[in-house]
Amino acid sequence: MARTRLSAQRLAGIKKMNIGHIIIFCEGKSEKYYFEYFAEILKKNKYTDIEVILEDANGNARTVLNCANNFMLNDRNNQKYSSYGKYLAFDCDDPPNIQSVIQDANGKYELLISNYLFETWLLMHFEDMEEKISKSEIYRKLGFYLHGDYSKGDKGKTREIIQNGDVEKAIDNAKKLEEQYNAAGKGILTDIQEMNPYTSVYRMVEQFMAEISDQEQYR
């Protein structure tokens, strides 16, 4: 459990939200398995419900947005999930007009996005990322830390990263990068292609860990 709890100092220093009921639409299996790892722990809290939906058509960011829109247009889904917080998790490497996808999703969904890709966030569990590197180099480095080849969308590898990596380190790295971009006047609604590396996944993960920490504290 230690890898999914926040230190007491960090827990005292963050603004905690009530996660409550949320639904996350994911582009790939890596994202799905990552969020489900925390959802499995948090389901012990009867006031928290985290649904993770995978867009399984091998699409891209636009496909995920369309999937979420179509899902919520279904009367049964809309009735069940209308009051849920709604999130999209996708990479920023595709489609070429990724900026328009982000703008179209803004206001409808909270965005858990990574540039280039979700593995940017995963690599942060092991080292600071400040400079843009290739996708192949990200995969190579993950393979090194996992003592073997990294397989995208592998449930076991995803769990191993959470258990053997440092989630708080990843959060710190992602926050630092975002602060640097903000100081430079850059934001995801207009400048995502200039924000590499970048991930906002840390925001939700930090809240997951805060809630887990509270559960453990009062158990």
Protein backbone atom coordinates (compact mmCIF):
# COMPACT_ATOMS: atom_id res chain seq x y z
CA MET A 1 0.00 0.00 0.00
CA ALA A 2 2.95 2.33 0.57
CA ARG A 3 3.27 3.13 -3.13
CA THR A 4 -0.29 4.41 -3.32
CA ARG A 5 -0.25 6.60 -0.22
CA LEU A 6 0.92 10.19 0.09
CA SER A 7 3.45 11.20 2.68
CA ALA A 8 1.97 13.03 5.66
CA GLN A 9 3.73 16.25 4.64
CA ARG A 10 2.32 16.17 1.11
CA LEU A 11 -1.14 15.17 2.31
CA ALA A 12 -1.25 18.21 4.57
CA GLY A 13 -0.15 20.52 1.76
CA ILE A 14 -2.64 19.71 -0.99
CA LYS A 15 -6.19 20.83 -1.56
CA LYS A 16 -8.21 17.65 -1.45
CA MET A 17 -11.41 17.22 -3.41
CA ASN A 18 -14.17 14.72 -2.89
CA ILE A 19 -13.67 12.32 -5.79
CA GLY A 20 -17.17 10.95 -5.47
CA HIS A 21 -18.52 9.45 -8.68
CA ILE A 22 -16.45 9.81 -11.84
CA ILE A 23 -16.15 8.18 -15.23
CA ILE A 24 -12.89 8.14 -17.20
CA PHE A 25 -12.81 7.48 -20.95
CA CYS A 26 -9.41 6.11 -22.00
CA GLU A 27 -7.62 5.89 -25.31
CA GLY A 28 -5.57 2.80 -24.47
CA LYS A 29 -5.19 -0.18 -22.19
CA SER A 30 -2.22 1.29 -20.31
CA GLU A 31 -4.37 4.18 -19.11
CA LYS A 32 -7.26 1.86 -18.27
CA TYR A 33 -5.11 -0.53 -16.23
CA TYR A 34 -3.38 2.34 -14.45
CA PHE A 35 -6.58 4.03 -13.31
CA GLU A 36 -8.23 0.72 -12.48
CA TYR A 37 -5.37 -0.08 -10.10
CA PHE A 38 -6.40 2.87 -7.94
CA ALA A 39 -10.13 2.34 -8.52
CA GLU A 40 -9.82 -1.19 -7.12
CA ILE A 41 -8.41 0.19 -3.88
CA LEU A 42 -10.88 3.05 -3.65
CA LYS A 43 -13.95 0.87 -4.15
CA LYS A 44 -13.69 0.08 -0.44
CA ASN A 45 -15.19 3.54 0.08
CA LYS A 46 -18.94 3.30 -0.54
CA TYR A 47 -19.08 6.99 -1.43
CA THR A 48 -16.60 6.64 -4.29
CA ASP A 49 -17.34 5.08 -7.66
CA ILE A 50 -14.78 5.19 -10.46
CA GLU A 51 -15.81 3.80 -13.84
CA VAL A 52 -13.07 3.38 -16.46
CA ILE A 53 -14.22 3.04 -20.08
CA LEU A 54 -11.81 1.93 -22.81
CA GLU A 55 -12.24 3.14 -26.37
CA ASP A 56 -11.21 -0.09 -28.09
CA ALA A 57 -11.26 0.87 -31.77
CA ASN A 58 -7.51 1.59 -31.90
CA GLY A 59 -8.23 5.24 -32.45
CA ASN A 60 -6.73 8.47 -31.21
CA ALA A 61 -7.68 11.50 -29.13
CA ARG A 62 -10.55 12.43 -31.46
CA THR A 63 -11.85 8.87 -31.32
CA VAL A 64 -11.90 8.97 -27.53
CA LEU A 65 -13.79 12.25 -27.53
CA ASN A 66 -16.32 10.87 -30.01
CA CYS A 67 -16.65 7.69 -27.95
CA ALA A 68 -17.39 9.68 -24.81
CA ASN A 69 -19.92 11.90 -26.59
CA ASN A 70 -21.72 8.91 -28.10
CA PHE A 71 -21.65 7.04 -24.80
CA MET A 72 -23.36 9.91 -23.03
CA LEU A 73 -25.94 10.27 -25.79
CA ASN A 74 -27.25 6.82 -24.92
CA ASP A 75 -30.33 7.36 -22.76
CA ARG A 76 -29.45 4.63 -20.27
CA ASN A 77 -25.87 5.85 -19.88
CA ASN A 78 -26.93 9.46 -19.59
CA GLN A 79 -29.41 8.59 -16.87
CA LYS A 80 -26.81 6.61 -14.91
CA TYR A 81 -23.80 8.88 -15.36
CA SER A 82 -25.26 12.36 -15.80
CA SER A 83 -24.14 13.44 -12.33
CA TYR A 84 -20.69 11.82 -12.58
CA GLY A 85 -17.53 13.84 -13.09
CA LYS A 86 -16.40 13.11 -16.65
CA TYR A 87 -12.76 12.73 -17.70
CA LEU A 88 -10.89 12.00 -20.90
CA ALA A 89 -7.46 10.34 -20.91
CA PHE A 90 -5.58 10.45 -24.21
CA ASP A 91 -2.22 11.00 -25.86
CA CYS A 92 -1.35 14.14 -27.80
CA ASP A 93 0.59 12.51 -30.64
CA ASP A 94 -2.47 12.03 -32.88
CA PRO A 95 -4.43 13.38 -34.72
CA PRO A 96 -2.39 16.22 -36.26
CA ASN A 97 -5.06 18.72 -35.22
CA ILE A 98 -4.81 17.69 -31.57
CA GLN A 99 -5.28 21.30 -30.50
CA SER A 100 -8.81 21.34 -31.88
CA VAL A 101 -9.64 18.10 -30.04
CA ILE A 102 -8.59 19.67 -26.76
CA GLN A 103 -10.61 22.78 -27.47
CA ASP A 104 -13.69 20.73 -28.40
CA ALA A 105 -13.40 18.67 -25.21
CA ASN A 106 -12.79 21.65 -22.94
CA GLY A 107 -15.77 22.47 -20.77
CA LYS A 108 -17.40 19.09 -21.34
CA TYR A 109 -14.71 16.94 -19.76
CA GLU A 110 -11.76 17.22 -17.44
CA LEU A 111 -8.62 16.30 -19.39
CA LEU A 112 -6.01 13.78 -18.26
CA ILE A 113 -3.70 14.16 -21.22
CA SER A 114 -0.05 13.43 -21.94
CA ASN A 115 2.34 14.70 -24.58
CA TYR A 116 3.66 12.72 -26.40
CA LEU A 117 1.94 9.79 -24.76
CA PHE A 118 0.82 8.21 -21.50
CA GLU A 119 4.21 6.55 -21.17
CA THR A 120 5.61 10.04 -20.58
CA TRP A 121 3.77 9.93 -17.26
CA LEU A 122 4.87 6.36 -16.58
CA LEU A 123 8.54 7.20 -17.14
CA MET A 124 8.25 10.01 -14.61
CA HIS A 125 7.83 7.31 -11.96
CA PHE A 126 11.55 6.61 -12.38
CA GLU A 127 13.21 9.82 -13.53
CA ASP A 128 12.64 13.52 -14.07
CA MET A 129 11.69 14.50 -17.58
CA GLU A 130 12.54 17.97 -18.78
CA GLU A 131 13.54 17.55 -22.42
CA LYS A 132 11.54 16.09 -25.28
CA ILE A 133 12.60 12.56 -26.19
CA SER A 134 11.38 10.14 -28.84
CA LYS A 135 8.71 7.53 -28.23
CA SER A 136 11.18 4.75 -28.85
CA GLU A 137 13.51 6.19 -26.21
CA ILE A 138 10.66 6.38 -23.70
CA TYR A 139 9.86 2.71 -24.31
CA ARG A 140 13.54 1.78 -24.10
CA LYS A 141 13.96 3.54 -20.77
CA LEU A 142 10.83 1.94 -19.33
CA GLY A 143 12.18 -1.45 -20.40
CA PHE A 144 15.42 -0.69 -18.58
CA TYR A 145 13.66 0.19 -15.32
CA LEU A 146 11.42 -2.85 -15.62
CA HIS A 147 14.39 -5.13 -16.35
CA GLY A 148 12.95 -6.27 -19.65
CA ASP A 149 11.00 -5.06 -22.64
CA TYR A 150 8.16 -2.66 -21.93
CA SER A 151 4.90 -3.82 -23.47
CA LYS A 152 2.34 -1.09 -24.08
CA GLY A 153 -1.04 -2.10 -22.73
CA ASP A 154 0.38 -4.86 -20.51
CA LYS A 155 -1.52 -5.01 -17.21
CA GLY A 156 1.36 -6.60 -15.34
CA LYS A 157 3.88 -4.00 -16.52
CA THR A 158 1.52 -1.17 -15.62
CA ARG A 159 1.07 -2.52 -12.09
CA GLU A 160 4.82 -3.05 -11.77
CA ILE A 161 5.44 0.61 -12.58
CA ILE A 162 3.08 1.74 -9.81
CA GLN A 163 4.47 -0.74 -7.30
CA ASN A 164 8.19 -0.34 -8.06
CA GLY A 165 8.30 3.25 -9.27
CA ASP A 166 7.81 6.43 -7.26
CA VAL A 167 4.37 7.95 -7.84
CA GLU A 168 5.12 11.00 -5.71
CA LYS A 169 8.25 11.62 -7.78
CA ALA A 170 6.12 11.51 -10.93
CA ILE A 171 3.66 13.99 -9.44
CA ASP A 172 6.48 16.37 -8.52
CA ASN A 173 7.98 16.21 -12.01
CA ALA A 174 4.63 16.80 -13.72
CA LYS A 175 3.82 19.73 -11.44
CA LYS A 176 7.21 21.33 -12.03
CA LEU A 177 6.80 21.09 -15.79
CA GLU A 178 3.31 22.58 -15.67
CA GLU A 179 4.54 25.48 -13.55
CA GLN A 180 7.30 26.14 -16.07
CA TYR A 181 4.85 26.19 -18.96
CA ASN A 182 2.48 28.46 -17.04
CA ALA A 183 5.33 30.85 -16.27
CA ALA A 184 6.09 30.96 -19.99
CA GLY A 185 2.46 31.78 -20.76
CA LYS A 186 1.69 28.41 -22.31
CA GLY A 187 -1.49 26.39 -21.78
CA ILE A 188 -3.06 23.28 -23.26
CA LEU A 189 -5.90 25.17 -24.97
CA THR A 190 -3.51 26.95 -27.29
CA ASP A 191 0.01 25.54 -26.99
CA ILE A 192 -0.05 21.77 -26.45
CA GLN A 193 2.37 21.08 -29.30
CA GLU A 194 4.94 23.29 -27.60
CA MET A 195 4.38 21.56 -24.25
CA ASN A 196 6.43 18.40 -24.56
CA PRO A 197 6.96 16.66 -22.22
CA TYR A 198 3.69 17.33 -20.42
CA THR A 199 1.02 15.44 -18.49
CA SER A 200 -1.98 16.42 -16.41
CA VAL A 201 -2.59 12.85 -15.22
CA TYR A 202 -0.88 13.74 -11.93
CA ARG A 203 -3.87 15.83 -10.83
CA MET A 204 -6.22 12.87 -10.61
CA VAL A 205 -3.57 10.46 -9.31
CA GLU A 206 -2.70 12.81 -6.45
CA GLN A 207 -6.36 12.92 -5.46
CA PHE A 208 -6.61 9.13 -5.67
CA MET A 209 -3.64 8.81 -3.36
CA ALA A 210 -4.98 11.43 -0.95
CA GLU A 211 -8.24 9.52 -0.60
CA ILE A 212 -6.41 6.21 -0.14
CA SER A 213 -4.24 7.84 2.51
CA ASP A 214 -7.32 9.06 4.36
CA GLN A 215 -8.88 5.60 4.21
CA GLU A 216 -5.76 4.04 5.68
CA GLN A 217 -5.45 6.72 8.35
CA TYR A 218 -8.94 6.16 9.73
CA ARG A 219 -9.19 2.41 9.18
